[in-house]
């Protein structure tokens, strides 16, 4: 009787399935299946463990010490029989090119990330020495359903007037929660590449004086726009602080990178 036949008989005598035997042996069920079909044969230590689990004698002593050419499961290498190292695969030229391209892509992404984070933390100073950063205008406000919440859409275009080119920008504010909101203070900041900032501050009364009603109706909209000559800029920011109909003070911000210019 072959090893495979003995293994099948011993397993069934114990009332075990292939899956149950595999679980006890801490191996994959496919290994048991291969053994029972004669496709492969376990190593000596594994056979001894099988004999203990199944309480059966699976091979004769002579067979236990006879190396099988079909054996696929190797035991840990011993000093007398060192394990043969697996052949090392050589990477083709195309493989090296793919690796180099992947490394270059990762490097480019890392540089972009570093520049983005650096720009967010770069300090811009206005004529009075007040310091501003891009991050100030990229803070998302929490949406409290019980209070007013403003969604701010941004538009940046270029326009020609005579022989001069201008940036024309617009911030559209939409109240989303059906709660009225009154602007108490509006801050419009323009950041130049030379780390200089030009910041315009408006109170609610000053907005009203230039024809902009600071009150935004529930679910209503409100717009603020401006323009300036085309020049090396980083971006344009806006911060709106005000009070909603429930008396809560809220602040909303928006940031418009100048590279996002529409034709």
Protein backbone atom coordinates (compact mmCIF):
# COMPACT_ATOMS: atom_id res chain seq x y z
CA UNK A 1 0.00 0.00 0.00
CA UNK A 2 1.39 3.39 -1.00
CA UNK A 3 1.89 6.30 1.35
CA UNK A 4 -1.08 8.12 -0.22
CA UNK A 5 -3.39 5.11 0.33
CA UNK A 6 -2.21 4.72 3.93
CA UNK A 7 -2.79 8.42 4.60
CA UNK A 8 -6.33 8.31 3.21
CA UNK A 9 -7.18 5.20 5.24
CA UNK A 10 -5.70 6.62 8.45
CA UNK A 11 -7.50 9.96 8.05
CA UNK A 12 -10.87 8.32 7.41
CA UNK A 13 -10.30 5.93 10.33
CA UNK A 14 -10.07 9.00 12.58
CA UNK A 15 -13.22 10.46 11.00
CA UNK A 16 -11.36 13.54 9.79
CA UNK A 17 -11.77 15.52 6.59
CA UNK A 18 -8.84 16.89 4.65
CA UNK A 19 -9.64 20.37 5.97
CA UNK A 20 -9.72 19.15 9.58
CA UNK A 21 -6.39 17.35 9.19
CA UNK A 22 -4.87 20.46 7.59
CA UNK A 23 -6.10 22.61 10.47
CA UNK A 24 -4.54 20.27 13.06
CA UNK A 25 -1.26 20.24 11.14
CA UNK A 26 -1.38 24.04 10.58
CA UNK A 27 -0.99 23.66 6.82
CA UNK A 28 -3.07 24.41 3.75
CA UNK A 29 -5.73 21.87 2.78
CA UNK A 30 -4.26 21.67 -0.73
CA UNK A 31 -1.11 20.08 0.73
CA UNK A 32 -3.17 17.21 2.17
CA UNK A 33 -4.93 16.83 -1.16
CA UNK A 34 -1.63 16.61 -3.02
CA UNK A 35 -0.31 13.99 -0.60
CA UNK A 36 -3.40 11.84 -0.97
CA UNK A 37 -3.26 12.03 -4.76
CA UNK A 38 0.41 11.06 -4.80
CA UNK A 39 1.46 14.35 -6.35
CA UNK A 40 3.91 15.06 -3.54
CA UNK A 41 5.11 13.58 -0.29
CA UNK A 42 5.86 15.37 3.00
CA UNK A 43 9.23 15.36 4.69
CA UNK A 44 10.18 12.91 7.42
CA UNK A 45 9.38 15.19 10.34
CA UNK A 46 5.96 15.94 8.88
CA UNK A 47 5.29 12.22 8.38
CA UNK A 48 6.13 11.56 12.03
CA UNK A 49 3.72 14.31 13.06
CA UNK A 50 1.01 12.82 10.82
CA UNK A 51 1.53 9.41 12.43
CA UNK A 52 1.06 10.95 15.88
CA UNK A 53 -2.08 12.84 14.85
CA UNK A 54 -3.65 9.88 13.02
CA UNK A 55 -2.32 7.18 15.39
CA UNK A 56 -1.15 5.18 12.39
CA UNK A 57 2.05 3.83 10.84
CA UNK A 58 2.36 5.42 7.39
CA UNK A 59 5.82 4.31 6.17
CA UNK A 60 8.19 1.48 6.90
CA UNK A 61 11.46 2.32 8.61
CA UNK A 62 13.30 1.60 5.35
CA UNK A 63 11.08 4.00 3.42
CA UNK A 64 11.44 6.67 6.08
CA UNK A 65 15.14 6.89 5.42
CA UNK A 66 14.88 6.61 1.63
CA UNK A 67 14.89 9.92 -0.18
CA UNK A 68 11.97 10.18 -2.58
CA UNK A 69 12.62 11.94 -5.89
CA UNK A 70 9.04 13.24 -5.83
CA UNK A 71 9.46 14.85 -2.43
CA UNK A 72 8.49 18.53 -2.63
CA UNK A 73 8.36 19.50 1.02
CA UNK A 74 11.88 20.09 2.34
CA UNK A 75 12.81 20.12 6.01
CA UNK A 76 15.09 22.79 7.43
CA UNK A 77 18.60 22.39 6.10
CA UNK A 78 21.06 20.45 8.28
CA UNK A 79 24.88 20.69 8.30
CA UNK A 80 25.02 17.35 6.47
CA UNK A 81 22.52 18.44 3.79
CA UNK A 82 22.63 22.21 3.31
CA UNK A 83 19.66 23.72 1.51
CA UNK A 84 20.39 24.83 -2.02
CA UNK A 85 19.91 28.57 -2.43
CA UNK A 86 17.21 29.59 -4.87
CA UNK A 87 18.61 31.07 -8.09
CA UNK A 88 18.62 34.87 -8.09
CA UNK A 89 16.49 36.48 -10.77
CA UNK A 90 18.20 39.09 -12.88
CA UNK A 91 16.36 42.33 -13.57
CA UNK A 92 16.09 43.13 -17.26
CA UNK A 93 16.94 46.49 -18.76
CA UNK A 94 13.23 47.22 -19.13
CA UNK A 95 12.78 46.42 -15.46
CA UNK A 96 15.52 48.86 -14.46
CA UNK A 97 13.92 51.55 -16.64
CA UNK A 98 10.56 50.96 -14.92
CA UNK A 99 12.20 51.15 -11.49
CA UNK A 100 13.99 54.40 -12.42
CA UNK A 101 10.77 55.92 -13.76
CA UNK A 102 8.90 54.98 -10.58
CA UNK A 103 11.64 56.49 -8.42
CA UNK A 104 11.57 59.71 -10.46
CA UNK A 105 7.80 59.94 -10.10
CA UNK A 106 8.02 59.47 -6.32
CA UNK A 107 10.72 62.14 -6.13
CA UNK A 108 8.60 64.58 -8.13
CA UNK A 109 5.58 63.97 -5.91
CA UNK A 110 7.73 64.50 -2.81
CA UNK A 111 9.05 67.81 -4.18
CA UNK A 112 5.51 68.99 -4.98
CA UNK A 113 4.34 68.05 -1.49
CA UNK A 114 7.26 69.85 0.15
CA UNK A 115 6.70 72.99 -1.94
CA UNK A 116 2.97 72.95 -1.16
CA UNK A 117 3.54 72.59 2.59
CA UNK A 118 6.26 75.25 2.49
CA UNK A 119 4.04 77.69 0.65
CA UNK A 120 1.21 77.10 3.12
CA UNK A 121 3.50 78.10 6.00
CA UNK A 122 5.37 80.93 4.23
CA UNK A 123 4.95 84.22 6.06
CA UNK A 124 3.67 87.20 4.10
CA UNK A 125 3.96 90.70 5.57
CA UNK A 126 1.82 93.75 4.84
CA UNK A 127 2.96 97.37 4.94
CA UNK A 128 2.21 97.56 8.69
CA UNK A 129 4.32 94.51 9.52
CA UNK A 130 1.31 92.27 10.08
CA UNK A 131 2.12 88.65 9.21
CA UNK A 132 -0.22 86.35 7.26
CA UNK A 133 0.00 82.78 5.92
CA UNK A 134 -1.86 80.87 3.20
CA UNK A 135 -3.01 78.36 5.83
CA UNK A 136 -5.12 81.08 7.47
CA UNK A 137 -7.38 81.09 4.43
CA UNK A 138 -7.58 77.32 4.04
CA UNK A 139 -9.26 76.51 7.36
CA UNK A 140 -12.56 74.75 6.80
CA UNK A 141 -15.35 75.80 9.12
CA UNK A 142 -17.44 73.13 10.84
CA UNK A 143 -21.01 72.97 9.61
CA UNK A 144 -23.37 73.30 12.57
CA UNK A 145 -26.88 72.56 11.19
CA UNK A 146 -28.36 74.83 13.88
CA UNK A 147 -26.42 77.85 12.62
CA UNK A 148 -25.51 79.61 9.43
CA UNK A 149 -23.01 77.98 7.08
CA UNK A 150 -21.47 79.67 4.05
CA UNK A 151 -20.24 77.77 1.01
CA UNK A 152 -17.79 79.92 -0.90
CA UNK A 153 -17.25 79.46 -4.64
CA UNK A 154 -14.29 81.15 -6.32
CA UNK A 155 -13.73 82.45 -9.85
CA UNK A 156 -10.52 83.92 -11.26
CA UNK A 157 -10.22 85.22 -14.82
CA UNK A 158 -7.97 87.45 -16.87
CA UNK A 159 -9.31 90.45 -18.74
CA UNK A 160 -7.80 92.96 -21.14
CA UNK A 161 -8.41 96.69 -20.69
CA UNK A 162 -6.61 98.73 -23.29
CA UNK A 163 -3.01 97.59 -23.32
CA UNK A 164 -3.11 96.19 -19.77
CA UNK A 165 -4.07 92.76 -18.44
CA UNK A 166 -5.96 92.31 -15.19
CA UNK A 167 -6.89 89.52 -12.81
CA UNK A 168 -10.63 89.66 -12.12
CA UNK A 169 -11.62 87.61 -9.08
CA UNK A 170 -14.95 86.88 -7.44
CA UNK A 171 -16.08 85.11 -4.26
CA UNK A 172 -19.70 83.87 -4.23
CA UNK A 173 -21.09 83.10 -0.75
CA UNK A 174 -24.11 80.81 -0.40
CA UNK A 175 -25.90 80.30 2.93
CA UNK A 176 -26.66 76.56 3.12
CA UNK A 177 -28.58 75.98 6.37
CA UNK A 178 -31.48 78.40 6.04
CA UNK A 179 -30.12 80.69 8.80
CA UNK A 180 -29.47 84.38 8.21
CA UNK A 181 -25.93 85.73 8.55
CA UNK A 182 -24.57 89.28 8.90
CA UNK A 183 -20.99 90.10 7.96
CA UNK A 184 -19.19 92.05 10.67
CA UNK A 185 -15.73 91.95 9.08
CA UNK A 186 -14.36 90.98 5.69
CA UNK A 187 -10.66 90.47 5.01
CA UNK A 188 -9.40 90.31 1.43
CA UNK A 189 -5.69 89.34 1.19
CA UNK A 190 -3.48 89.31 -1.90
CA UNK A 191 -0.16 87.45 -1.59
CA UNK A 192 2.69 88.33 -3.94
CA UNK A 193 5.66 86.14 -4.89
CA UNK A 194 8.00 88.51 -3.05
CA UNK A 195 6.29 87.55 0.25
CA UNK A 196 4.49 90.84 0.46
CA UNK A 197 0.81 90.95 1.37
CA UNK A 198 -1.80 93.54 0.51
CA UNK A 199 -4.79 93.16 2.81
CA UNK A 200 -8.07 95.05 2.56
CA UNK A 201 -10.28 95.14 5.65
CA UNK A 202 -13.97 96.04 5.58
CA UNK A 203 -16.40 96.39 8.45
CA UNK A 204 -20.09 95.75 7.89
CA UNK A 205 -20.72 99.50 7.66
CA UNK A 206 -17.91 99.95 5.15
CA UNK A 207 -19.38 97.19 2.98
CA UNK A 208 -22.75 98.93 3.10
CA UNK A 209 -21.05 102.21 2.12
CA UNK A 210 -19.76 100.67 -1.12
CA UNK A 211 -23.14 99.19 -1.94
CA UNK A 212 -22.74 95.70 -0.45
CA UNK A 213 -25.45 94.84 2.08
CA UNK A 214 -23.62 92.88 4.82
CA UNK A 215 -26.78 90.86 5.60
CA UNK A 216 -27.11 87.49 3.86
CA UNK A 217 -30.67 86.14 3.87
CA UNK A 218 -31.43 82.55 4.93
CA UNK A 219 -30.48 80.31 1.98
CA UNK A 220 -29.44 83.49 0.17
CA UNK A 221 -26.30 84.45 -1.69
CA UNK A 222 -23.78 87.29 -1.61
CA UNK A 223 -20.82 88.20 -3.82
CA UNK A 224 -17.55 90.06 -3.43
CA UNK A 225 -15.34 90.83 -6.42
CA UNK A 226 -12.25 92.76 -7.27
CA UNK A 227 -9.46 93.18 -9.77
CA UNK A 228 -5.77 94.01 -10.02
CA UNK A 229 -3.09 94.17 -12.72
CA UNK A 230 -1.55 90.86 -13.74
CA UNK A 231 1.63 90.34 -11.72
CA UNK A 232 3.53 87.49 -10.01
CA UNK A 233 1.10 86.34 -7.32
CA UNK A 234 0.72 83.32 -5.05
CA UNK A 235 -3.01 83.66 -4.50
CA UNK A 236 -5.95 85.59 -3.12
CA UNK A 237 -7.64 84.86 0.19
CA UNK A 238 -10.83 85.93 1.92
CA UNK A 239 -11.98 85.64 5.51
CA UNK A 240 -15.52 86.53 6.55
CA UNK A 241 -16.47 86.92 10.21
CA UNK A 242 -20.01 87.63 11.30
CA UNK A 243 -23.02 86.72 13.42
CA UNK A 244 -25.85 84.40 12.45
CA UNK A 245 -29.54 84.82 13.28
CA UNK A 246 -29.06 82.73 16.41
CA UNK A 247 -26.41 85.11 17.78
CA UNK A 248 -23.46 82.77 17.15
CA UNK A 249 -20.27 84.27 15.75
CA UNK A 250 -18.83 82.34 12.84
CA UNK A 251 -15.82 82.64 10.54
CA UNK A 252 -15.50 81.33 6.99
CA UNK A 253 -12.43 81.37 4.75
CA UNK A 254 -11.55 80.78 1.11
CA UNK A 255 -8.28 80.55 -0.82
CA UNK A 256 -7.84 81.07 -4.55
CA UNK A 257 -4.46 80.08 -6.05
CA UNK A 258 -3.56 82.37 -8.89
CA UNK A 259 -2.43 79.47 -11.17
CA UNK A 260 -6.13 78.47 -11.26
CA UNK A 261 -6.88 81.20 -13.82
CA UNK A 262 -9.66 80.65 -16.31
CA UNK A 263 -9.14 82.01 -19.85
